[in-house]
Amino acid sequence: MEFESKILSKSISEMLYNSDKTLGTAESCTGGRIAEAIISVPGASDYFKGGIVSYTNEVKESILGVSHQVLEEQTAVCEEVAKEMVIGAIKALNVDYAVSATGVAGPTGGTPEIPVGTIWIGYGSKDEVRTVKLSEDFGRDINLAIATNTALKSILSFLQEHEEELKKEKNQE
C-alpha cells in the first residue's frame, strides 16, 4: 500500500506542480499519513502548504472550525465533519484544495452505530466538497493504509476533473 500511495502522490504532484494551486490536509484517524505521502515526492513544497492533525474534537473545533453542535449530535465520525474539516483546512492553511479523514481505525472505539473501520474521507475546494465513506474493518494498519490511499485517489480524481482550471491558471502567467 505504501508503494501505491507514492504513485498516487506523484500523480498529484504532476497535477499541481507549477500550477499556482495549493493543497492541504486535515487528518484525524490517519494522524498525518496523507500529508506524509504527499511530501514523499520531491518538490511538494511548491504546492503543499501543510497539514493539521486534529485527533481530538477540541482541535477540530478550535483550529478547523468544525461545529460543536455537529460533533455533539453526530460524533466526529460523520460526513458533515469530514466536509467541515476540508473547509476548515482550506481556511486555516489558505489553500485551494484540501483532503480530510475522520473515523474509527480500531481495534477499539467502535460502536454498533459506528463500527471499527468506518472512516469518512472529505476532499475538494471552497466551492465543492465531496465525501467517500469506508466501512470495512481489516485491522488498524490496513484500515489506515486504505484510508490514506482512498484520500489520495479521491483528491487526485477531483484535480483531474478540474485539470482545465489548473492549466488556465498556469497559462495566465
C-alpha atoms as a PDB file:
ATOM      1  CA  MET A   1       0.000   0.000   0.000  1.00  0.00           C
ATOM      2  CA  GLU A   2       2.904   2.359   0.660  1.00  0.00           C
ATOM      3  CA  PHE A   3       4.033   1.912  -2.947  1.00  0.00           C
ATOM      4  CA  GLU A   4       0.529   2.778  -4.160  1.00  0.00           C
ATOM      5  CA  SER A   5       0.457   5.941  -2.037  1.00  0.00           C
ATOM      6  CA  LYS A   6       3.752   7.061  -3.579  1.00  0.00           C
ATOM      7  CA  ILE A   7       2.396   6.550  -7.101  1.00  0.00           C
ATOM      8  CA  LEU A   8      -0.762   8.484  -6.226  1.00  0.00           C
ATOM      9  CA  SER A   9       1.274  11.270  -4.611  1.00  0.00           C
ATOM     10  CA  LYS A  10       3.470  11.507  -7.717  1.00  0.00           C
ATOM     11  CA  SER A  11       0.332  11.898  -9.851  1.00  0.00           C
ATOM     12  CA  ILE A  12      -0.945  14.630  -7.519  1.00  0.00           C
ATOM     13  CA  SER A  13       2.429  16.343  -7.847  1.00  0.00           C
ATOM     14  CA  GLU A  14       2.204  16.236 -11.631  1.00  0.00           C
ATOM     15  CA  MET A  15      -1.214  17.925 -11.456  1.00  0.00           C
ATOM     16  CA  LEU A  16      -0.244  20.698  -9.036  1.00  0.00           C
ATOM     17  CA  TYR A  17       3.452  21.377  -9.617  1.00  0.00           C
ATOM     18  CA  ASN A  18       3.867  24.905 -11.038  1.00  0.00           C
ATOM     19  CA  SER A  19       0.087  25.415 -11.261  1.00  0.00           C
ATOM     20  CA  ASP A  20      -0.102  28.125  -8.563  1.00  0.00           C
ATOM     21  CA  LYS A  21      -2.733  25.958  -6.822  1.00  0.00           C
ATOM     22  CA  THR A  22      -2.126  24.636  -3.348  1.00  0.00           C
ATOM     23  CA  LEU A  23      -3.155  21.661  -1.241  1.00  0.00           C
ATOM     24  CA  GLY A  24      -3.517  20.981   2.473  1.00  0.00           C
ATOM     25  CA  THR A  25      -4.739  18.199   4.737  1.00  0.00           C
ATOM     26  CA  ALA A  26      -6.873  17.863   7.858  1.00  0.00           C
ATOM     27  CA  GLU A  27      -6.470  14.450   9.433  1.00  0.00           C
ATOM     28  CA  SER A  28      -7.886  12.749  12.475  1.00  0.00           C
ATOM     29  CA  CYS A  29      -7.651   8.954  12.412  1.00  0.00           C
ATOM     30  CA  THR A  30      -4.900   8.906   9.755  1.00  0.00           C
ATOM     31  CA  GLY A  31      -2.664  11.007  12.003  1.00  0.00           C
ATOM     32  CA  GLY A  32      -0.659  12.699   9.249  1.00  0.00           C
ATOM     33  CA  ARG A  33      -0.261   9.736   6.903  1.00  0.00           C
ATOM     34  CA  ILE A  34      -1.901  11.575   3.991  1.00  0.00           C
ATOM     35  CA  ALA A  35       0.436  14.550   4.414  1.00  0.00           C
ATOM     36  CA  GLU A  36       3.399  12.194   4.756  1.00  0.00           C
ATOM     37  CA  ALA A  37       2.523  10.523   1.449  1.00  0.00           C
ATOM     38  CA  ILE A  38       2.165  13.878  -0.313  1.00  0.00           C
ATOM     39  CA  ILE A  39       5.518  15.211   0.896  1.00  0.00           C
ATOM     40  CA  SER A  40       7.305  11.991  -0.093  1.00  0.00           C
ATOM     41  CA  VAL A  41       7.509  13.456  -3.612  1.00  0.00           C
ATOM     42  CA  PRO A  42      10.408  15.873  -4.197  1.00  0.00           C
ATOM     43  CA  GLY A  43       9.156  19.384  -4.916  1.00  0.00           C
ATOM     44  CA  ALA A  44       5.993  19.030  -2.818  1.00  0.00           C
ATOM     45  CA  SER A  45       6.770  22.356  -1.145  1.00  0.00           C
ATOM     46  CA  ASP A  46       5.773  24.001  -4.441  1.00  0.00           C
ATOM     47  CA  TYR A  47       2.092  23.121  -3.839  1.00  0.00           C
ATOM     48  CA  PHE A  48       1.651  21.521  -0.397  1.00  0.00           C
ATOM     49  CA  LYS A  49       1.294  24.127   2.363  1.00  0.00           C
ATOM     50  CA  GLY A  50       0.775  21.791   5.298  1.00  0.00           C
ATOM     51  CA  GLY A  51      -1.459  19.548   7.286  1.00  0.00           C
ATOM     52  CA  ILE A  52      -3.386  19.685  10.527  1.00  0.00           C
ATOM     53  CA  VAL A  53      -3.683  16.585  12.681  1.00  0.00           C
ATOM     54  CA  SER A  54      -6.918  17.160  14.558  1.00  0.00           C
ATOM     55  CA  TYR A  55      -7.090  13.983  16.607  1.00  0.00           C
ATOM     56  CA  THR A  56      -9.407  15.465  19.233  1.00  0.00           C
ATOM     57  CA  ASN A  57     -12.727  17.249  18.913  1.00  0.00           C
ATOM     58  CA  GLU A  58     -11.186  20.251  20.676  1.00  0.00           C
ATOM     59  CA  VAL A  59      -8.691  20.709  17.834  1.00  0.00           C
ATOM     60  CA  LYS A  60     -11.347  20.062  15.192  1.00  0.00           C
ATOM     61  CA  GLU A  61     -13.376  22.903  16.707  1.00  0.00           C
ATOM     62  CA  SER A  62     -10.657  25.401  17.631  1.00  0.00           C
ATOM     63  CA  ILE A  63      -8.387  25.133  14.591  1.00  0.00           C
ATOM     64  CA  LEU A  64     -10.641  23.792  11.832  1.00  0.00           C
ATOM     65  CA  GLY A  65     -13.881  25.442  12.922  1.00  0.00           C
ATOM     66  CA  VAL A  66     -15.881  22.206  12.976  1.00  0.00           C
ATOM     67  CA  SER A  67     -19.289  22.806  14.530  1.00  0.00           C
ATOM     68  CA  HIS A  68     -19.557  21.848  18.206  1.00  0.00           C
ATOM     69  CA  GLN A  69     -23.212  21.027  17.626  1.00  0.00           C
ATOM     70  CA  VAL A  70     -22.407  18.614  14.782  1.00  0.00           C
ATOM     71  CA  LEU A  71     -19.731  16.919  16.894  1.00  0.00           C
ATOM     72  CA  GLU A  72     -22.183  16.549  19.792  1.00  0.00           C
ATOM     73  CA  GLU A  73     -25.144  15.377  17.722  1.00  0.00           C
ATOM     74  CA  GLN A  74     -23.431  13.255  15.058  1.00  0.00           C
ATOM     75  CA  THR A  75     -19.978  12.500  16.579  1.00  0.00           C
ATOM     76  CA  ALA A  76     -16.670  13.184  14.860  1.00  0.00           C
ATOM     77  CA  VAL A  77     -17.186  10.209  12.562  1.00  0.00           C
ATOM     78  CA  CYS A  78     -19.703  11.522  10.060  1.00  0.00           C
ATOM     79  CA  GLU A  79     -19.926  13.017   6.606  1.00  0.00           C
ATOM     80  CA  GLU A  80     -20.575  16.556   7.850  1.00  0.00           C
ATOM     81  CA  VAL A  81     -17.414  16.600   9.986  1.00  0.00           C
ATOM     82  CA  ALA A  82     -15.326  15.351   7.035  1.00  0.00           C
ATOM     83  CA  LYS A  83     -16.742  18.212   4.933  1.00  0.00           C
ATOM     84  CA  GLU A  84     -16.198  20.825   7.653  1.00  0.00           C
ATOM     85  CA  MET A  85     -12.621  19.613   8.081  1.00  0.00           C
ATOM     86  CA  VAL A  86     -11.967  20.247   4.367  1.00  0.00           C
ATOM     87  CA  ILE A  87     -13.380  23.778   4.549  1.00  0.00           C
ATOM     88  CA  GLY A  88     -11.518  24.382   7.810  1.00  0.00           C
ATOM     89  CA  ALA A  89      -8.212  23.282   6.290  1.00  0.00           C
ATOM     90  CA  ILE A  90      -8.774  25.476   3.229  1.00  0.00           C
ATOM     91  CA  LYS A  91      -9.311  28.483   5.515  1.00  0.00           C
ATOM     92  CA  ALA A  92      -6.657  27.736   8.152  1.00  0.00           C
ATOM     93  CA  LEU A  93      -3.942  26.849   5.647  1.00  0.00           C
ATOM     94  CA  ASN A  94      -5.044  29.295   2.928  1.00  0.00           C
ATOM     95  CA  VAL A  95      -5.049  26.595   0.232  1.00  0.00           C
ATOM     96  CA  ASP A  96      -7.099  25.946  -2.897  1.00  0.00           C
ATOM     97  CA  TYR A  97      -7.777  22.263  -2.225  1.00  0.00           C
ATOM     98  CA  ALA A  98      -7.864  20.061   0.847  1.00  0.00           C
ATOM     99  CA  VAL A  99      -8.449  16.471   1.856  1.00  0.00           C
ATOM    100  CA  SER A 100      -9.626  15.180   5.241  1.00  0.00           C
ATOM    101  CA  ALA A 101     -10.054  11.908   7.116  1.00  0.00           C
ATOM    102  CA  THR A 102     -12.067  11.171  10.250  1.00  0.00           C
ATOM    103  CA  GLY A 103     -13.025   7.761  11.541  1.00  0.00           C
ATOM    104  CA  VAL A 104     -12.503   4.752  13.769  1.00  0.00           C
ATOM    105  CA  ALA A 105      -9.381   2.863  12.690  1.00  0.00           C
ATOM    106  CA  GLY A 106      -9.598   0.304  15.509  1.00  0.00           C
ATOM    107  CA  PRO A 107      -9.138  -2.070  17.079  1.00  0.00           C
ATOM    108  CA  THR A 108     -11.292  -0.339  19.702  1.00  0.00           C
ATOM    109  CA  GLY A 109     -13.535   2.709  19.686  1.00  0.00           C
ATOM    110  CA  GLY A 110     -16.325   1.387  17.526  1.00  0.00           C
ATOM    111  CA  THR A 111     -19.999   1.281  18.453  1.00  0.00           C
ATOM    112  CA  PRO A 112     -22.948  -0.585  16.938  1.00  0.00           C
ATOM    113  CA  GLU A 113     -23.852   2.636  15.078  1.00  0.00           C
ATOM    114  CA  ILE A 114     -20.279   3.470  14.040  1.00  0.00           C
ATOM    115  CA  PRO A 115     -18.262   0.252  13.882  1.00  0.00           C
ATOM    116  CA  VAL A 116     -14.487  -0.005  13.619  1.00  0.00           C
ATOM    117  CA  GLY A 117     -13.452   0.603  10.024  1.00  0.00           C
ATOM    118  CA  THR A 118     -15.906   3.464   9.493  1.00  0.00           C
ATOM    119  CA  ILE A 119     -13.842   6.275   8.008  1.00  0.00           C
ATOM    120  CA  TRP A 120     -15.078   9.360   6.165  1.00  0.00           C
ATOM    121  CA  ILE A 121     -12.812  10.988   3.588  1.00  0.00           C
ATOM    122  CA  GLY A 122     -13.557  14.570   2.544  1.00  0.00           C
ATOM    123  CA  TYR A 123     -11.946  16.351  -0.384  1.00  0.00           C
ATOM    124  CA  GLY A 124     -12.426  19.326  -2.643  1.00  0.00           C
ATOM    125  CA  SER A 125     -12.279  23.105  -2.845  1.00  0.00           C
ATOM    126  CA  LYS A 126     -14.078  26.012  -1.183  1.00  0.00           C
ATOM    127  CA  ASP A 127     -16.736  25.719  -3.893  1.00  0.00           C
ATOM    128  CA  GLU A 128     -17.260  21.957  -3.839  1.00  0.00           C
ATOM    129  CA  VAL A 129     -16.620  19.330  -1.172  1.00  0.00           C
ATOM    130  CA  ARG A 130     -17.222  15.629  -1.733  1.00  0.00           C
ATOM    131  CA  THR A 131     -17.012  12.629   0.556  1.00  0.00           C
ATOM    132  CA  VAL A 132     -16.338   8.904   0.480  1.00  0.00           C
ATOM    133  CA  LYS A 133     -17.271   6.500   3.264  1.00  0.00           C
ATOM    134  CA  LEU A 134     -15.191   3.440   4.096  1.00  0.00           C
ATOM    135  CA  SER A 135     -16.974   0.849   6.194  1.00  0.00           C
ATOM    136  CA  GLU A 136     -14.988  -2.375   6.387  1.00  0.00           C
ATOM    137  CA  ASP A 137     -12.605  -3.423   9.145  1.00  0.00           C
ATOM    138  CA  PHE A 138      -9.353  -5.052   8.059  1.00  0.00           C
ATOM    139  CA  GLY A 139      -7.405  -4.239  11.228  1.00  0.00           C
ATOM    140  CA  ARG A 140      -5.926  -0.893  12.216  1.00  0.00           C
ATOM    141  CA  ASP A 141      -2.863  -0.824   9.953  1.00  0.00           C
ATOM    142  CA  ILE A 142      -4.748  -1.848   6.827  1.00  0.00           C
ATOM    143  CA  ASN A 143      -7.690   0.444   7.669  1.00  0.00           C
ATOM    144  CA  LEU A 144      -5.267   3.376   7.857  1.00  0.00           C
ATOM    145  CA  ALA A 145      -3.499   2.400   4.636  1.00  0.00           C
ATOM    146  CA  ILE A 146      -6.819   2.072   2.803  1.00  0.00           C
ATOM    147  CA  ALA A 147      -7.992   5.432   4.173  1.00  0.00           C
ATOM    148  CA  THR A 148      -4.749   7.126   3.116  1.00  0.00           C
ATOM    149  CA  ASN A 149      -4.868   5.699  -0.394  1.00  0.00           C
ATOM    150  CA  THR A 150      -8.586   6.448  -0.753  1.00  0.00           C
ATOM    151  CA  ALA A 151      -7.936  10.055   0.266  1.00  0.00           C
ATOM    152  CA  LEU A 152      -5.116  10.368  -2.270  1.00  0.00           C
ATOM    153  CA  LYS A 153      -7.190   8.737  -5.041  1.00  0.00           C
ATOM    154  CA  SER A 154     -10.131  10.998  -4.252  1.00  0.00           C
ATOM    155  CA  ILE A 155      -8.249  14.295  -4.348  1.00  0.00           C
ATOM    156  CA  LEU A 156      -6.359  13.144  -7.461  1.00  0.00           C
ATOM    157  CA  SER A 157      -9.651  12.376  -9.212  1.00  0.00           C
ATOM    158  CA  PHE A 158     -11.007  15.781  -8.165  1.00  0.00           C
ATOM    159  CA  LEU A 159      -7.903  17.518  -9.523  1.00  0.00           C
ATOM    160  CA  GLN A 160      -8.162  15.586 -12.786  1.00  0.00           C
ATOM    161  CA  GLU A 161     -11.770  16.738 -13.172  1.00  0.00           C
ATOM    162  CA  HIS A 162     -10.559  20.319 -12.675  1.00  0.00           C
ATOM    163  CA  GLU A 163      -7.466  19.970 -14.865  1.00  0.00           C
ATOM    164  CA  GLU A 164      -8.538  22.760 -17.218  1.00  0.00           C
ATOM    165  CA  GLU A 165      -8.646  25.206 -14.286  1.00  0.00           C
ATOM    166  CA  LEU A 166      -5.140  24.164 -13.282  1.00  0.00           C
ATOM    167  CA  LYS A 167      -3.855  24.692 -16.826  1.00  0.00           C
ATOM    168  CA  LYS A 168      -5.623  28.058 -17.225  1.00  0.00           C
ATOM    169  CA  GLU A 169      -4.007  29.378 -14.071  1.00  0.00           C
ATOM    170  CA  LYS A 170      -0.610  28.196 -15.245  1.00  0.00           C
ATOM    171  CA  ASN A 171      -1.003  29.700 -18.738  1.00  0.00           C
ATOM    172  CA  GLN A 172      -2.185  33.105 -17.475  1.00  0.00           C
ATOM    173  CA  GLU A 173       1.250  33.923 -16.096  1.00  0.00           C
END
